[in-house]
């Protein structure tokens, strides 16, 4: 019985060591030693939702039940709500940078105790982004309106 244990124990140890080496990732070709797999290198991109010029960061999730959309021949409007665990100042800076990239003009940037309100305009569009800071998550509400014929006509 002792000879069987003496024989199996080294084999078991060699097997465990081989299994440990097999689970290690090799360093990346750049030589930085990060050892990232293909799955950790892939990142979900930011996206556009109802308006093709208001980019939404992937870190906040769309709340369909609290959002509203209206589209008719004269204008298109949306109230889009999002929640997520993000740094508020980074989220504000994200919207300032990306709205400028999509040719929005910043009209006002207001901050109260726990609320940031950003107001943007374009030729036939207006957008207000309200970011409410709370303990665990932030709520972002985007109010966007696009006048389809370029101007409202009173009749």
C-alpha atoms as a PDB file:
ATOM      1  CA  UNK A   1       0.000   0.000   0.000  1.00  0.00           C
ATOM      2  CA  UNK A   2       2.856   2.360   0.829  1.00  0.00           C
ATOM      3  CA  UNK A   3       4.488   1.800  -2.556  1.00  0.00           C
ATOM      4  CA  UNK A   4       1.255   2.728  -4.298  1.00  0.00           C
ATOM      5  CA  UNK A   5       1.015   5.971  -2.300  1.00  0.00           C
ATOM      6  CA  UNK A   6       4.694   6.724  -2.911  1.00  0.00           C
ATOM      7  CA  UNK A   7       4.124   6.229  -6.644  1.00  0.00           C
ATOM      8  CA  UNK A   8       0.833   8.116  -6.919  1.00  0.00           C
ATOM      9  CA  UNK A   9       1.820  11.114  -4.785  1.00  0.00           C
ATOM     10  CA  UNK A  10       4.583  12.373  -7.131  1.00  0.00           C
ATOM     11  CA  UNK A  11       2.316  11.785 -10.140  1.00  0.00           C
ATOM     12  CA  UNK A  12      -0.449  13.756  -8.437  1.00  0.00           C
ATOM     13  CA  UNK A  13       1.940  16.631  -7.653  1.00  0.00           C
ATOM     14  CA  UNK A  14       3.245  16.694 -11.242  1.00  0.00           C
ATOM     15  CA  UNK A  15      -0.355  16.745 -12.507  1.00  0.00           C
ATOM     16  CA  UNK A  16      -1.254  19.658 -10.222  1.00  0.00           C
ATOM     17  CA  UNK A  17       1.794  21.641 -11.312  1.00  0.00           C
ATOM     18  CA  UNK A  18       0.968  21.004 -14.969  1.00  0.00           C
ATOM     19  CA  UNK A  19      -2.610  22.175 -14.400  1.00  0.00           C
ATOM     20  CA  UNK A  20      -1.394  25.362 -12.701  1.00  0.00           C
ATOM     21  CA  UNK A  21       0.956  26.167 -15.602  1.00  0.00           C
ATOM     22  CA  UNK A  22      -1.775  25.505 -18.158  1.00  0.00           C
ATOM     23  CA  UNK A  23      -4.078  28.127 -16.615  1.00  0.00           C
ATOM     24  CA  UNK A  24      -1.513  30.925 -16.758  1.00  0.00           C
ATOM     25  CA  UNK A  25      -1.813  33.359 -19.651  1.00  0.00           C
ATOM     26  CA  UNK A  26       1.189  34.195 -21.731  1.00  0.00           C
ATOM     27  CA  UNK A  27       2.419  37.788 -21.909  1.00  0.00           C
ATOM     28  CA  UNK A  28       1.072  39.971 -24.689  1.00  0.00           C
ATOM     29  CA  UNK A  29       3.217  40.351 -27.824  1.00  0.00           C
ATOM     30  CA  UNK A  30       3.946  43.976 -26.886  1.00  0.00           C
ATOM     31  CA  UNK A  31       5.935  42.682 -23.933  1.00  0.00           C
ATOM     32  CA  UNK A  32       4.033  44.587 -21.260  1.00  0.00           C
ATOM     33  CA  UNK A  33       3.344  41.357 -19.380  1.00  0.00           C
ATOM     34  CA  UNK A  34      -0.319  42.140 -18.831  1.00  0.00           C
ATOM     35  CA  UNK A  35      -1.372  38.679 -20.022  1.00  0.00           C
ATOM     36  CA  UNK A  36      -4.818  39.748 -21.207  1.00  0.00           C
ATOM     37  CA  UNK A  37      -7.025  37.244 -22.971  1.00  0.00           C
ATOM     38  CA  UNK A  38      -9.093  38.112 -26.035  1.00  0.00           C
ATOM     39  CA  UNK A  39     -12.195  38.320 -23.860  1.00  0.00           C
ATOM     40  CA  UNK A  40     -10.739  41.000 -21.582  1.00  0.00           C
ATOM     41  CA  UNK A  41      -9.419  43.013 -24.531  1.00  0.00           C
ATOM     42  CA  UNK A  42     -12.900  43.351 -26.088  1.00  0.00           C
ATOM     43  CA  UNK A  43     -14.869  46.323 -24.849  1.00  0.00           C
ATOM     44  CA  UNK A  44     -18.439  47.139 -25.718  1.00  0.00           C
ATOM     45  CA  UNK A  45     -18.477  50.460 -27.600  1.00  0.00           C
ATOM     46  CA  UNK A  46     -20.469  53.554 -26.697  1.00  0.00           C
ATOM     47  CA  UNK A  47     -23.608  53.925 -28.805  1.00  0.00           C
ATOM     48  CA  UNK A  48     -26.291  56.216 -30.206  1.00  0.00           C
ATOM     49  CA  UNK A  49     -29.883  55.484 -29.214  1.00  0.00           C
ATOM     50  CA  UNK A  50     -32.775  57.585 -30.561  1.00  0.00           C
ATOM     51  CA  UNK A  51     -30.745  60.486 -31.897  1.00  0.00           C
ATOM     52  CA  UNK A  52     -27.755  59.834 -34.156  1.00  0.00           C
ATOM     53  CA  UNK A  53     -25.767  62.697 -32.646  1.00  0.00           C
ATOM     54  CA  UNK A  54     -26.160  62.091 -28.901  1.00  0.00           C
ATOM     55  CA  UNK A  55     -23.637  59.456 -27.867  1.00  0.00           C
ATOM     56  CA  UNK A  56     -24.467  57.348 -24.810  1.00  0.00           C
ATOM     57  CA  UNK A  57     -21.675  55.846 -22.689  1.00  0.00           C
ATOM     58  CA  UNK A  58     -21.772  52.072 -22.259  1.00  0.00           C
ATOM     59  CA  UNK A  59     -21.482  52.404 -18.474  1.00  0.00           C
ATOM     60  CA  UNK A  60     -25.074  53.620 -18.060  1.00  0.00           C
ATOM     61  CA  UNK A  61     -28.087  51.399 -18.788  1.00  0.00           C
ATOM     62  CA  UNK A  62     -31.233  52.498 -20.606  1.00  0.00           C
ATOM     63  CA  UNK A  63     -34.467  52.370 -18.568  1.00  0.00           C
ATOM     64  CA  UNK A  64     -37.201  51.665 -21.096  1.00  0.00           C
ATOM     65  CA  UNK A  65     -40.108  51.893 -18.624  1.00  0.00           C
ATOM     66  CA  UNK A  66     -39.205  55.462 -17.630  1.00  0.00           C
ATOM     67  CA  UNK A  67     -38.423  56.734 -21.139  1.00  0.00           C
ATOM     68  CA  UNK A  68     -40.729  58.322 -23.701  1.00  0.00           C
ATOM     69  CA  UNK A  69     -40.516  58.953 -27.439  1.00  0.00           C
ATOM     70  CA  UNK A  70     -42.660  61.053 -29.751  1.00  0.00           C
ATOM     71  CA  UNK A  71     -42.220  61.267 -33.504  1.00  0.00           C
ATOM     72  CA  UNK A  72     -44.542  63.078 -35.927  1.00  0.00           C
ATOM     73  CA  UNK A  73     -44.262  65.064 -39.141  1.00  0.00           C
ATOM     74  CA  UNK A  74     -43.176  68.308 -37.439  1.00  0.00           C
ATOM     75  CA  UNK A  75     -40.778  67.171 -34.723  1.00  0.00           C
ATOM     76  CA  UNK A  76     -39.203  64.312 -32.861  1.00  0.00           C
ATOM     77  CA  UNK A  77     -38.787  64.326 -29.089  1.00  0.00           C
ATOM     78  CA  UNK A  78     -37.500  61.913 -26.492  1.00  0.00           C
ATOM     79  CA  UNK A  79     -37.043  61.669 -22.763  1.00  0.00           C
ATOM     80  CA  UNK A  80     -34.438  58.956 -22.231  1.00  0.00           C
ATOM     81  CA  UNK A  81     -33.531  57.723 -18.751  1.00  0.00           C
ATOM     82  CA  UNK A  82     -30.377  55.857 -17.792  1.00  0.00           C
ATOM     83  CA  UNK A  83     -28.853  54.513 -14.572  1.00  0.00           C
ATOM     84  CA  UNK A  84     -25.375  53.381 -13.736  1.00  0.00           C
ATOM     85  CA  UNK A  85     -22.514  53.402 -11.280  1.00  0.00           C
ATOM     86  CA  UNK A  86     -20.244  56.079 -12.693  1.00  0.00           C
ATOM     87  CA  UNK A  87     -18.132  58.982 -11.502  1.00  0.00           C
ATOM     88  CA  UNK A  88     -20.331  62.034 -11.978  1.00  0.00           C
ATOM     89  CA  UNK A  89     -17.581  64.422 -13.038  1.00  0.00           C
ATOM     90  CA  UNK A  90     -16.327  61.885 -15.594  1.00  0.00           C
ATOM     91  CA  UNK A  91     -19.871  61.496 -16.967  1.00  0.00           C
ATOM     92  CA  UNK A  92     -20.282  65.270 -17.245  1.00  0.00           C
ATOM     93  CA  UNK A  93     -16.928  65.530 -19.042  1.00  0.00           C
ATOM     94  CA  UNK A  94     -17.924  62.611 -21.316  1.00  0.00           C
ATOM     95  CA  UNK A  95     -21.044  64.462 -22.475  1.00  0.00           C
ATOM     96  CA  UNK A  96     -19.194  67.779 -22.855  1.00  0.00           C
ATOM     97  CA  UNK A  97     -16.549  66.125 -25.069  1.00  0.00           C
ATOM     98  CA  UNK A  98     -18.852  63.946 -27.187  1.00  0.00           C
ATOM     99  CA  UNK A  99     -21.569  66.533 -27.724  1.00  0.00           C
ATOM    100  CA  UNK A 100     -18.884  68.924 -28.997  1.00  0.00           C
ATOM    101  CA  UNK A 101     -17.615  66.182 -31.358  1.00  0.00           C
ATOM    102  CA  UNK A 102     -21.169  65.860 -32.732  1.00  0.00           C
ATOM    103  CA  UNK A 103     -21.296  69.645 -33.345  1.00  0.00           C
ATOM    104  CA  UNK A 104     -23.547  70.580 -30.403  1.00  0.00           C
ATOM    105  CA  UNK A 105     -23.036  74.036 -28.890  1.00  0.00           C
ATOM    106  CA  UNK A 106     -22.970  74.195 -25.092  1.00  0.00           C
ATOM    107  CA  UNK A 107     -25.481  76.818 -23.949  1.00  0.00           C
ATOM    108  CA  UNK A 108     -25.204  76.305 -20.193  1.00  0.00           C
ATOM    109  CA  UNK A 109     -23.526  74.068 -17.632  1.00  0.00           C
ATOM    110  CA  UNK A 110     -25.233  74.261 -14.235  1.00  0.00           C
ATOM    111  CA  UNK A 111     -24.464  72.442 -11.025  1.00  0.00           C
ATOM    112  CA  UNK A 112     -26.482  72.241  -7.837  1.00  0.00           C
ATOM    113  CA  UNK A 113     -25.702  70.098  -4.782  1.00  0.00           C
ATOM    114  CA  UNK A 114     -26.382  66.723  -6.418  1.00  0.00           C
ATOM    115  CA  UNK A 115     -27.562  67.684  -9.921  1.00  0.00           C
ATOM    116  CA  UNK A 116     -25.678  68.660 -13.076  1.00  0.00           C
ATOM    117  CA  UNK A 117     -27.667  70.145 -15.962  1.00  0.00           C
ATOM    118  CA  UNK A 118     -26.077  70.551 -19.396  1.00  0.00           C
ATOM    119  CA  UNK A 119     -27.954  72.433 -22.123  1.00  0.00           C
ATOM    120  CA  UNK A 120     -26.929  72.034 -25.788  1.00  0.00           C
ATOM    121  CA  UNK A 121     -28.283  73.398 -29.073  1.00  0.00           C
ATOM    122  CA  UNK A 122     -27.904  72.905 -32.808  1.00  0.00           C
ATOM    123  CA  UNK A 123     -29.621  74.472 -35.804  1.00  0.00           C
ATOM    124  CA  UNK A 124     -32.887  72.542 -35.416  1.00  0.00           C
ATOM    125  CA  UNK A 125     -32.219  70.579 -32.218  1.00  0.00           C
ATOM    126  CA  UNK A 126     -32.113  71.114 -28.500  1.00  0.00           C
ATOM    127  CA  UNK A 127     -30.864  68.784 -25.781  1.00  0.00           C
ATOM    128  CA  UNK A 128     -30.848  68.984 -21.992  1.00  0.00           C
ATOM    129  CA  UNK A 129     -28.876  66.394 -20.026  1.00  0.00           C
ATOM    130  CA  UNK A 130     -29.651  66.129 -16.332  1.00  0.00           C
ATOM    131  CA  UNK A 131     -27.387  63.982 -14.159  1.00  0.00           C
ATOM    132  CA  UNK A 132     -28.573  63.249 -10.621  1.00  0.00           C
ATOM    133  CA  UNK A 133     -25.927  62.051  -8.218  1.00  0.00           C
ATOM    134  CA  UNK A 134     -26.970  59.632  -5.481  1.00  0.00           C
ATOM    135  CA  UNK A 135     -25.121  57.356  -3.093  1.00  0.00           C
ATOM    136  CA  UNK A 136     -24.975  54.126  -5.123  1.00  0.00           C
ATOM    137  CA  UNK A 137     -25.943  55.068  -8.687  1.00  0.00           C
ATOM    138  CA  UNK A 138     -26.510  58.086 -10.850  1.00  0.00           C
ATOM    139  CA  UNK A 139     -29.597  58.760 -12.935  1.00  0.00           C
ATOM    140  CA  UNK A 140     -29.119  60.496 -16.266  1.00  0.00           C
ATOM    141  CA  UNK A 141     -32.102  61.969 -18.089  1.00  0.00           C
ATOM    142  CA  UNK A 142     -31.729  63.249 -21.637  1.00  0.00           C
ATOM    143  CA  UNK A 143     -34.442  65.534 -23.021  1.00  0.00           C
ATOM    144  CA  UNK A 144     -33.980  65.931 -26.781  1.00  0.00           C
ATOM    145  CA  UNK A 145     -36.083  67.682 -29.436  1.00  0.00           C
ATOM    146  CA  UNK A 146     -35.557  67.928 -33.186  1.00  0.00           C
ATOM    147  CA  UNK A 147     -37.685  70.166 -35.393  1.00  0.00           C
ATOM    148  CA  UNK A 148     -37.948  68.319 -38.701  1.00  0.00           C
ATOM    149  CA  UNK A 149     -38.638  71.170 -41.092  1.00  0.00           C
ATOM    150  CA  UNK A 150     -36.068  73.466 -39.483  1.00  0.00           C
ATOM    151  CA  UNK A 151     -38.544  75.864 -37.843  1.00  0.00           C
ATOM    152  CA  UNK A 152     -41.863  75.802 -36.026  1.00  0.00           C
ATOM    153  CA  UNK A 153     -44.623  77.440 -38.022  1.00  0.00           C
ATOM    154  CA  UNK A 154     -47.458  79.057 -36.100  1.00  0.00           C
ATOM    155  CA  UNK A 155     -50.925  78.810 -37.679  1.00  0.00           C
END
